[in-house]
N, C-alpha and C. Protein backbone atom coordinates (compact mmCIF):
# COMPACT_ATOMS: atom_id res chain seq x y z
N UNK A 1 -33.96 161.26 115.74
CA UNK A 1 -32.92 162.17 116.07
C UNK A 1 -31.57 161.51 115.92
N UNK A 2 -30.57 162.36 115.62
CA UNK A 2 -29.23 161.86 115.54
C UNK A 2 -28.30 162.83 116.30
N UNK A 3 -27.20 162.21 116.79
CA UNK A 3 -26.20 163.04 117.45
C UNK A 3 -25.02 163.19 116.48
N UNK A 4 -24.84 164.44 115.98
CA UNK A 4 -23.79 164.65 114.98
C UNK A 4 -22.43 164.32 115.43
N UNK A 5 -22.23 164.69 116.69
CA UNK A 5 -20.83 164.40 117.28
C UNK A 5 -20.55 162.90 117.35
N UNK A 6 -21.53 162.11 117.87
CA UNK A 6 -21.29 160.68 117.88
C UNK A 6 -21.12 160.09 116.45
N UNK A 7 -21.87 160.62 115.56
CA UNK A 7 -21.74 160.15 114.09
C UNK A 7 -20.39 160.48 113.57
N UNK A 8 -19.92 161.73 113.84
CA UNK A 8 -18.66 162.11 113.38
C UNK A 8 -17.49 161.34 113.90
N UNK A 9 -17.54 160.93 115.13
CA UNK A 9 -16.57 160.19 115.88
C UNK A 9 -16.70 158.68 115.62
N UNK A 10 -17.75 158.33 114.91
CA UNK A 10 -17.87 156.88 114.58
C UNK A 10 -18.34 156.02 115.77
N UNK A 11 -19.09 156.55 116.64
CA UNK A 11 -19.68 155.81 117.77
C UNK A 11 -20.86 154.94 117.38
N UNK A 12 -21.19 153.95 118.08
CA UNK A 12 -22.38 153.12 117.80
C UNK A 12 -23.30 153.13 119.02
N UNK A 13 -24.36 153.87 118.86
CA UNK A 13 -25.37 153.99 119.93
C UNK A 13 -26.71 154.32 119.26
N UNK A 14 -27.70 154.57 120.13
CA UNK A 14 -29.01 154.77 119.59
C UNK A 14 -29.16 156.07 118.83
N UNK A 15 -28.37 157.07 119.18
CA UNK A 15 -28.43 158.40 118.45
C UNK A 15 -27.68 158.35 117.19
N UNK A 16 -26.78 157.34 116.91
CA UNK A 16 -26.17 157.22 115.61
C UNK A 16 -27.03 156.38 114.62
N UNK A 17 -27.83 155.45 115.21
CA UNK A 17 -28.71 154.68 114.42
C UNK A 17 -30.01 155.45 114.00
N UNK A 18 -30.30 156.46 114.94
CA UNK A 18 -31.53 157.26 114.69
C UNK A 18 -32.53 156.93 115.75
N UNK A 19 -32.71 157.85 116.71
CA UNK A 19 -33.64 157.63 117.70
C UNK A 19 -35.06 158.22 117.39
N UNK A 20 -36.14 157.38 117.63
CA UNK A 20 -37.47 157.87 117.18
C UNK A 20 -38.23 158.44 118.41
N UNK A 21 -37.61 158.28 119.59
CA UNK A 21 -38.27 158.81 120.81
C UNK A 21 -37.86 160.31 120.98
N UNK A 22 -38.74 161.20 120.82
CA UNK A 22 -38.41 162.61 120.81
C UNK A 22 -38.78 163.12 122.22
N UNK A 23 -38.24 162.46 123.20
CA UNK A 23 -38.46 162.93 124.61
C UNK A 23 -37.16 163.48 125.11
N UNK A 24 -37.26 164.38 126.08
CA UNK A 24 -36.10 165.02 126.81
C UNK A 24 -35.29 163.97 127.54
N UNK A 25 -35.94 162.96 128.00
CA UNK A 25 -35.26 161.83 128.71
C UNK A 25 -34.27 161.12 127.71
N UNK A 26 -34.66 161.00 126.51
CA UNK A 26 -33.78 160.26 125.54
C UNK A 26 -32.46 161.08 125.36
N UNK A 27 -32.66 162.32 125.34
CA UNK A 27 -31.48 163.26 125.18
C UNK A 27 -30.59 163.17 126.48
N UNK A 28 -31.19 163.22 127.65
CA UNK A 28 -30.50 163.12 128.89
C UNK A 28 -29.77 161.83 129.05
N UNK A 29 -30.45 160.73 128.71
CA UNK A 29 -29.79 159.34 128.70
C UNK A 29 -28.60 159.35 127.80
N UNK A 30 -28.76 159.89 126.58
CA UNK A 30 -27.69 159.93 125.62
C UNK A 30 -26.47 160.71 126.13
N UNK A 31 -26.74 161.78 126.80
CA UNK A 31 -25.65 162.61 127.32
C UNK A 31 -24.86 161.89 128.38
N UNK A 32 -25.50 160.91 129.08
CA UNK A 32 -24.75 160.21 130.11
C UNK A 32 -24.07 159.00 129.55
N UNK A 33 -24.26 158.62 128.31
CA UNK A 33 -23.61 157.45 127.75
C UNK A 33 -22.03 157.69 127.66
N UNK A 34 -21.39 156.61 127.94
CA UNK A 34 -19.90 156.64 127.81
C UNK A 34 -19.49 157.01 126.40
N UNK A 35 -20.06 156.42 125.45
CA UNK A 35 -19.79 156.76 124.04
C UNK A 35 -19.83 158.24 123.75
N UNK A 36 -20.87 158.92 124.18
CA UNK A 36 -21.04 160.32 124.00
C UNK A 36 -19.94 161.10 124.72
N UNK A 37 -19.70 160.70 125.94
CA UNK A 37 -18.65 161.43 126.74
C UNK A 37 -17.27 161.22 126.10
N UNK A 38 -17.05 160.08 125.56
CA UNK A 38 -15.81 159.83 124.82
C UNK A 38 -15.66 160.68 123.60
N UNK A 39 -16.78 160.88 122.87
CA UNK A 39 -16.85 161.57 121.63
C UNK A 39 -16.48 163.09 121.97
N UNK A 40 -16.98 163.61 123.11
CA UNK A 40 -16.66 164.94 123.53
C UNK A 40 -15.27 165.03 123.94
N UNK A 41 -14.75 164.11 124.74
CA UNK A 41 -13.34 164.14 125.09
C UNK A 41 -12.37 164.01 123.97
N UNK A 42 -12.74 163.23 122.94
CA UNK A 42 -11.88 163.11 121.80
C UNK A 42 -11.62 164.41 121.09
N UNK A 43 -12.64 165.17 120.99
CA UNK A 43 -12.49 166.54 120.40
C UNK A 43 -11.60 167.48 121.22
N UNK A 44 -11.69 167.43 122.56
CA UNK A 44 -10.82 168.28 123.40
C UNK A 44 -9.40 167.68 123.28
N UNK A 45 -9.21 166.37 123.31
CA UNK A 45 -7.93 165.78 123.25
C UNK A 45 -7.25 166.11 121.85
N UNK A 46 -7.97 166.07 120.83
CA UNK A 46 -7.43 166.43 119.51
C UNK A 46 -7.00 167.89 119.51
N UNK A 47 -7.85 168.75 120.06
CA UNK A 47 -7.46 170.16 120.12
C UNK A 47 -6.20 170.45 120.90
N UNK A 48 -6.08 169.71 122.07
CA UNK A 48 -4.89 169.84 122.93
C UNK A 48 -3.66 169.30 122.20
N UNK A 49 -3.83 168.14 121.55
CA UNK A 49 -2.78 167.49 120.72
C UNK A 49 -2.26 168.47 119.63
N UNK A 50 -3.15 169.02 118.97
CA UNK A 50 -2.82 169.94 117.81
C UNK A 50 -2.07 171.20 118.36
N UNK A 51 -2.58 171.70 119.48
CA UNK A 51 -1.87 172.87 120.14
C UNK A 51 -0.50 172.53 120.56
N UNK A 52 -0.31 171.33 121.11
CA UNK A 52 1.02 170.96 121.62
C UNK A 52 1.93 170.66 120.41
N UNK A 53 1.43 170.04 119.34
CA UNK A 53 2.22 169.87 118.11
C UNK A 53 2.59 171.18 117.50
N UNK A 54 1.76 172.13 117.42
CA UNK A 54 2.06 173.39 116.89
C UNK A 54 3.18 174.08 117.68
N UNK A 55 3.05 173.99 118.98
CA UNK A 55 4.04 174.68 119.89
C UNK A 55 5.36 174.01 119.68
N UNK A 56 5.35 172.70 119.56
CA UNK A 56 6.65 171.99 119.31
C UNK A 56 7.29 172.37 118.03
N UNK A 57 6.59 172.55 116.99
CA UNK A 57 7.08 172.93 115.72
C UNK A 57 7.61 174.38 115.79
N UNK A 58 6.95 175.29 116.47
CA UNK A 58 7.37 176.65 116.60
C UNK A 58 8.70 176.69 117.38
N UNK A 59 8.87 175.91 118.47
CA UNK A 59 10.01 175.82 119.23
C UNK A 59 11.20 175.28 118.42
N UNK A 60 10.90 174.30 117.65
CA UNK A 60 11.92 173.67 116.81
C UNK A 60 12.43 174.65 115.67
N UNK A 61 11.45 175.35 115.12
CA UNK A 61 11.76 176.42 114.08
C UNK A 61 12.69 177.43 114.68
N UNK A 62 12.37 177.93 115.91
CA UNK A 62 13.10 179.00 116.56
C UNK A 62 14.56 178.43 116.81
N UNK A 63 14.64 177.12 117.26
CA UNK A 63 15.93 176.54 117.52
C UNK A 63 16.76 176.55 116.30
N UNK A 64 16.17 176.07 115.14
CA UNK A 64 16.91 175.95 113.88
C UNK A 64 17.36 177.35 113.47
N UNK A 65 16.51 178.36 113.67
CA UNK A 65 16.94 179.78 113.16
C UNK A 65 18.09 180.24 113.98
N UNK A 66 18.06 179.99 115.32
CA UNK A 66 19.14 180.38 116.18
C UNK A 66 20.46 179.71 115.85
N UNK A 67 20.33 178.39 115.59
CA UNK A 67 21.50 177.65 115.24
C UNK A 67 22.04 178.16 113.89
N UNK A 68 21.14 178.40 112.92
CA UNK A 68 21.62 178.99 111.61
C UNK A 68 22.28 180.34 111.73
N UNK A 69 21.77 181.15 112.59
CA UNK A 69 22.42 182.48 112.71
C UNK A 69 23.81 182.35 113.41
N UNK A 70 23.95 181.48 114.40
CA UNK A 70 25.19 181.22 114.98
C UNK A 70 26.20 180.68 113.98
N UNK A 71 25.81 179.71 113.17
CA UNK A 71 26.74 179.13 112.20
C UNK A 71 27.10 180.28 111.17
N UNK A 72 26.09 181.02 110.69
CA UNK A 72 26.43 182.08 109.71
C UNK A 72 27.35 183.07 110.34
N UNK A 73 27.17 183.45 111.57
CA UNK A 73 28.04 184.45 112.19
C UNK A 73 29.49 183.88 112.29
N UNK A 74 29.66 182.61 112.65
CA UNK A 74 30.92 181.92 112.82
C UNK A 74 31.63 181.90 111.39
N UNK A 75 30.90 181.57 110.41
CA UNK A 75 31.48 181.47 109.02
C UNK A 75 31.90 182.88 108.55
N UNK A 76 31.09 183.92 108.85
CA UNK A 76 31.42 185.24 108.40
C UNK A 76 32.59 185.82 109.23
N UNK A 77 32.87 185.32 110.43
CA UNK A 77 33.96 185.64 111.20
C UNK A 77 35.23 184.87 111.01
N UNK A 78 34.99 183.87 109.98
CA UNK A 78 36.16 182.87 109.73
C UNK A 78 36.54 182.09 111.04
N UNK A 79 35.61 181.76 111.79
CA UNK A 79 35.89 180.89 112.95
C UNK A 79 35.57 179.41 112.61
N UNK A 80 36.46 178.58 113.14
CA UNK A 80 36.17 177.18 112.74
C UNK A 80 34.90 176.52 113.41
N UNK A 81 34.24 175.64 112.71
CA UNK A 81 33.00 175.08 113.22
C UNK A 81 33.29 174.16 114.42
N UNK A 82 34.59 173.85 114.66
CA UNK A 82 34.95 172.95 115.83
C UNK A 82 34.68 173.82 117.11
N UNK A 83 34.50 175.14 116.95
CA UNK A 83 34.25 175.96 118.14
C UNK A 83 32.80 176.15 118.41
N UNK A 84 31.93 175.58 117.59
CA UNK A 84 30.47 175.74 117.67
C UNK A 84 29.96 175.32 119.05
N UNK A 85 30.35 174.07 119.45
CA UNK A 85 29.89 173.55 120.66
C UNK A 85 30.32 174.29 121.83
N UNK A 86 31.52 174.81 121.83
CA UNK A 86 32.03 175.60 122.97
C UNK A 86 31.39 176.99 123.02
N UNK A 87 31.01 177.47 121.79
CA UNK A 87 30.28 178.74 121.80
C UNK A 87 28.89 178.59 122.42
N UNK A 88 28.19 177.48 122.08
CA UNK A 88 26.91 177.20 122.67
C UNK A 88 26.97 177.06 124.19
N UNK A 89 28.06 176.44 124.62
CA UNK A 89 28.30 176.28 126.09
C UNK A 89 28.56 177.60 126.77
N UNK A 90 29.33 178.45 126.09
CA UNK A 90 29.57 179.75 126.63
C UNK A 90 28.26 180.60 126.75
N UNK A 91 27.47 180.51 125.70
CA UNK A 91 26.20 181.24 125.76
C UNK A 91 25.28 180.75 126.82
N UNK A 92 25.32 179.46 127.16
CA UNK A 92 24.53 178.89 128.27
C UNK A 92 25.12 179.46 129.57
N UNK A 93 26.43 179.42 129.65
CA UNK A 93 27.01 179.83 130.95
C UNK A 93 26.74 181.35 131.25
N UNK A 94 26.70 182.10 130.11
CA UNK A 94 26.39 183.48 130.27
C UNK A 94 24.88 183.81 130.50
N UNK A 95 24.10 182.75 130.43
CA UNK A 95 22.72 182.95 130.67
C UNK A 95 21.87 183.46 129.47
N UNK A 96 22.43 183.35 128.30
CA UNK A 96 21.72 183.66 127.08
C UNK A 96 20.62 182.64 126.84
N UNK A 97 19.33 183.12 126.58
CA UNK A 97 18.20 182.13 126.46
C UNK A 97 18.32 181.43 125.19
N UNK A 98 19.06 180.32 125.17
CA UNK A 98 19.11 179.42 123.98
C UNK A 98 18.64 177.98 124.32
N UNK A 99 17.78 177.93 125.33
CA UNK A 99 17.29 176.68 125.78
C UNK A 99 16.59 175.87 124.70
N UNK A 100 15.98 176.60 123.74
CA UNK A 100 15.20 175.90 122.72
C UNK A 100 16.08 175.14 121.69
N UNK A 101 17.44 175.32 121.84
CA UNK A 101 18.29 174.69 120.88
C UNK A 101 18.29 173.16 121.19
N UNK A 102 17.92 172.73 122.35
CA UNK A 102 17.74 171.38 122.74
C UNK A 102 16.27 171.15 122.89
N UNK A 103 15.65 170.77 121.71
CA UNK A 103 14.13 170.58 121.66
C UNK A 103 13.72 169.36 122.49
N UNK A 104 14.52 168.24 122.34
CA UNK A 104 14.12 167.09 123.11
C UNK A 104 15.40 166.22 123.32
N UNK A 105 15.26 165.07 123.88
CA UNK A 105 16.47 164.27 124.00
C UNK A 105 17.00 163.80 122.71
N UNK A 106 16.16 163.60 121.64
CA UNK A 106 16.59 163.23 120.36
C UNK A 106 16.98 164.45 119.46
N UNK A 107 16.30 165.47 119.65
CA UNK A 107 16.54 166.71 118.74
C UNK A 107 17.38 167.75 119.40
N UNK A 108 18.58 167.99 118.87
CA UNK A 108 19.50 168.81 119.52
C UNK A 108 20.29 169.59 118.46
N UNK A 109 20.29 170.93 118.57
CA UNK A 109 20.91 171.78 117.60
C UNK A 109 22.26 172.38 118.15
N UNK A 110 22.84 171.69 119.04
CA UNK A 110 24.03 172.20 119.69
C UNK A 110 25.36 171.47 119.34
N UNK A 111 25.31 170.52 118.48
CA UNK A 111 26.47 169.71 118.13
C UNK A 111 27.28 170.20 116.94
N UNK A 112 28.47 169.77 116.85
CA UNK A 112 29.40 170.06 115.71
C UNK A 112 28.75 169.51 114.43
N UNK A 113 28.18 168.33 114.51
CA UNK A 113 27.60 167.69 113.30
C UNK A 113 26.43 168.66 112.79
N UNK A 114 25.64 169.19 113.71
CA UNK A 114 24.57 170.13 113.28
C UNK A 114 25.16 171.37 112.59
N UNK A 115 26.12 171.96 113.23
CA UNK A 115 26.89 173.09 112.62
C UNK A 115 27.28 172.81 111.20
N UNK A 116 27.97 171.64 111.00
CA UNK A 116 28.40 171.33 109.70
C UNK A 116 27.31 171.15 108.70
N UNK A 117 26.17 170.56 109.12
CA UNK A 117 25.00 170.39 108.29
C UNK A 117 24.39 171.69 107.88
N UNK A 118 24.35 172.64 108.82
CA UNK A 118 23.69 173.94 108.52
C UNK A 118 24.70 174.76 107.61
N UNK A 119 25.99 174.67 107.88
CA UNK A 119 26.91 175.35 106.93
C UNK A 119 26.88 174.78 105.59
N UNK A 120 26.72 173.51 105.47
CA UNK A 120 26.58 172.85 104.12
C UNK A 120 25.35 173.37 103.43
N UNK A 121 24.16 173.52 104.13
CA UNK A 121 23.00 173.97 103.52
C UNK A 121 23.09 175.39 103.01
N UNK A 122 23.79 176.21 103.93
CA UNK A 122 23.98 177.68 103.48
C UNK A 122 24.86 177.76 102.31
N UNK A 123 25.92 176.95 102.29
CA UNK A 123 26.86 176.96 101.13
C UNK A 123 26.20 176.52 99.88
N UNK A 124 25.34 175.47 99.94
CA UNK A 124 24.64 175.06 98.78
C UNK A 124 23.71 176.07 98.17
N UNK A 125 23.08 176.81 99.17
CA UNK A 125 22.13 177.83 98.83
C UNK A 125 22.81 178.97 98.10
N UNK A 126 24.04 179.36 98.63
CA UNK A 126 24.81 180.46 98.02
C UNK A 126 25.27 179.98 96.65
N UNK A 127 25.80 178.80 96.50
CA UNK A 127 26.24 178.27 95.18
C UNK A 127 25.13 178.26 94.19
N UNK A 128 23.90 178.02 94.57
CA UNK A 128 22.77 178.05 93.57
C UNK A 128 22.39 179.47 93.19
N UNK A 129 22.80 180.46 93.92
CA UNK A 129 22.35 181.84 93.67
C UNK A 129 22.98 182.28 92.35
N UNK A 130 22.22 183.00 91.50
CA UNK A 130 22.69 183.56 90.22
C UNK A 130 23.45 184.90 90.39
N UNK A 131 23.56 185.35 91.62
CA UNK A 131 24.24 186.68 91.87
C UNK A 131 25.51 186.53 92.55
N UNK A 132 26.42 187.39 92.24
CA UNK A 132 27.77 187.57 92.88
C UNK A 132 27.95 188.93 93.27
N UNK A 133 28.50 189.07 94.52
CA UNK A 133 28.73 190.47 95.04
C UNK A 133 30.20 190.53 95.35
N UNK A 134 30.84 191.70 94.97
CA UNK A 134 32.16 191.97 95.34
C UNK A 134 32.24 193.24 96.10
N UNK A 135 32.86 193.16 97.29
CA UNK A 135 32.95 194.28 98.14
C UNK A 135 34.34 194.78 98.14
N UNK A 136 34.62 196.05 97.73
CA UNK A 136 35.94 196.62 97.72
C UNK A 136 36.00 197.79 98.63
N UNK A 137 37.13 197.96 99.34
CA UNK A 137 37.29 199.01 100.31
C UNK A 137 38.58 199.74 100.05
N UNK A 138 38.67 200.95 100.09
CA UNK A 138 39.89 201.78 99.93
C UNK A 138 40.80 201.61 101.17
N UNK A 139 42.09 201.67 101.03
CA UNK A 139 42.87 201.52 102.18
C UNK A 139 43.64 202.86 102.50
N UNK A 140 44.08 203.00 103.72
CA UNK A 140 44.87 204.20 104.10
C UNK A 140 46.12 203.81 104.76
N UNK A 141 47.14 204.66 104.82
CA UNK A 141 48.35 204.36 105.48
C UNK A 141 48.25 204.89 106.96
N UNK A 142 49.31 204.85 107.66
CA UNK A 142 49.28 205.18 109.12
C UNK A 142 48.94 206.70 109.28
N UNK A 143 49.28 207.53 108.27
CA UNK A 143 48.86 208.96 108.41
C UNK A 143 47.48 209.21 108.01
N UNK A 144 46.72 208.15 107.71
CA UNK A 144 45.40 208.24 107.25
C UNK A 144 45.18 208.89 105.91
N UNK A 145 46.19 208.79 105.10
CA UNK A 145 46.10 209.36 103.71
C UNK A 145 45.69 208.26 102.80
N UNK A 146 44.78 208.63 101.84
CA UNK A 146 44.25 207.66 101.00
C UNK A 146 45.40 207.24 100.02
N UNK A 147 45.45 205.88 99.65
CA UNK A 147 46.35 205.44 98.74
C UNK A 147 45.60 205.06 97.50
N UNK A 148 46.22 205.34 96.42
CA UNK A 148 45.57 204.92 95.12
C UNK A 148 46.74 204.58 94.20
N UNK A 149 46.40 204.11 92.99
CA UNK A 149 47.36 203.71 91.98
C UNK A 149 48.23 204.86 91.52
N UNK A 150 47.77 206.02 91.49
CA UNK A 150 48.55 207.20 90.96
C UNK A 150 49.55 207.70 91.97
N UNK A 151 49.54 207.30 93.22
CA UNK A 151 50.48 207.74 94.25
C UNK A 151 51.88 207.37 93.92
N UNK A 152 52.16 206.33 93.24
CA UNK A 152 53.46 205.82 93.00
C UNK A 152 54.11 206.38 91.74
N UNK A 153 53.46 207.34 91.04
CA UNK A 153 54.11 207.85 89.80
C UNK A 153 55.31 208.74 90.10
N UNK A 154 55.36 209.38 91.29
CA UNK A 154 56.47 210.23 91.56
C UNK A 154 57.71 209.53 92.13
N UNK A 155 57.50 208.20 92.38
CA UNK A 155 58.58 207.37 92.93
C UNK A 155 59.80 207.20 91.99
């Protein structure tokens, strides 16, 4: 008999070498071995580790997306990136849930440096785009009359 779990985890015991005693007591003794218990615990620990790692990456992805949206909004409103940190502080003071922008002590998406890096990445992406969009809007005077090029011919 062999224990597949102990073999998979690289343990050295009677069930990995091949047990020739086909008794229930052999299985019971094997179940009580520290090696076998560690093999079981390793699987659970690995699953917990993978779940934690996945959660951390999801939180970091959410933080990056929020930071990117904030930088994009600031750029589209022609606001200076020097105001990024104060905007993040205002959002915190107002109770907006942006806690995931600070993923850990080392990973932080609330700084001016981060805002500039994100803006640089967005700008490079736009520069590589093969498309150009021009948005034109008609203007009106105070009387809300449309102005066009033909309006000045009577002057």
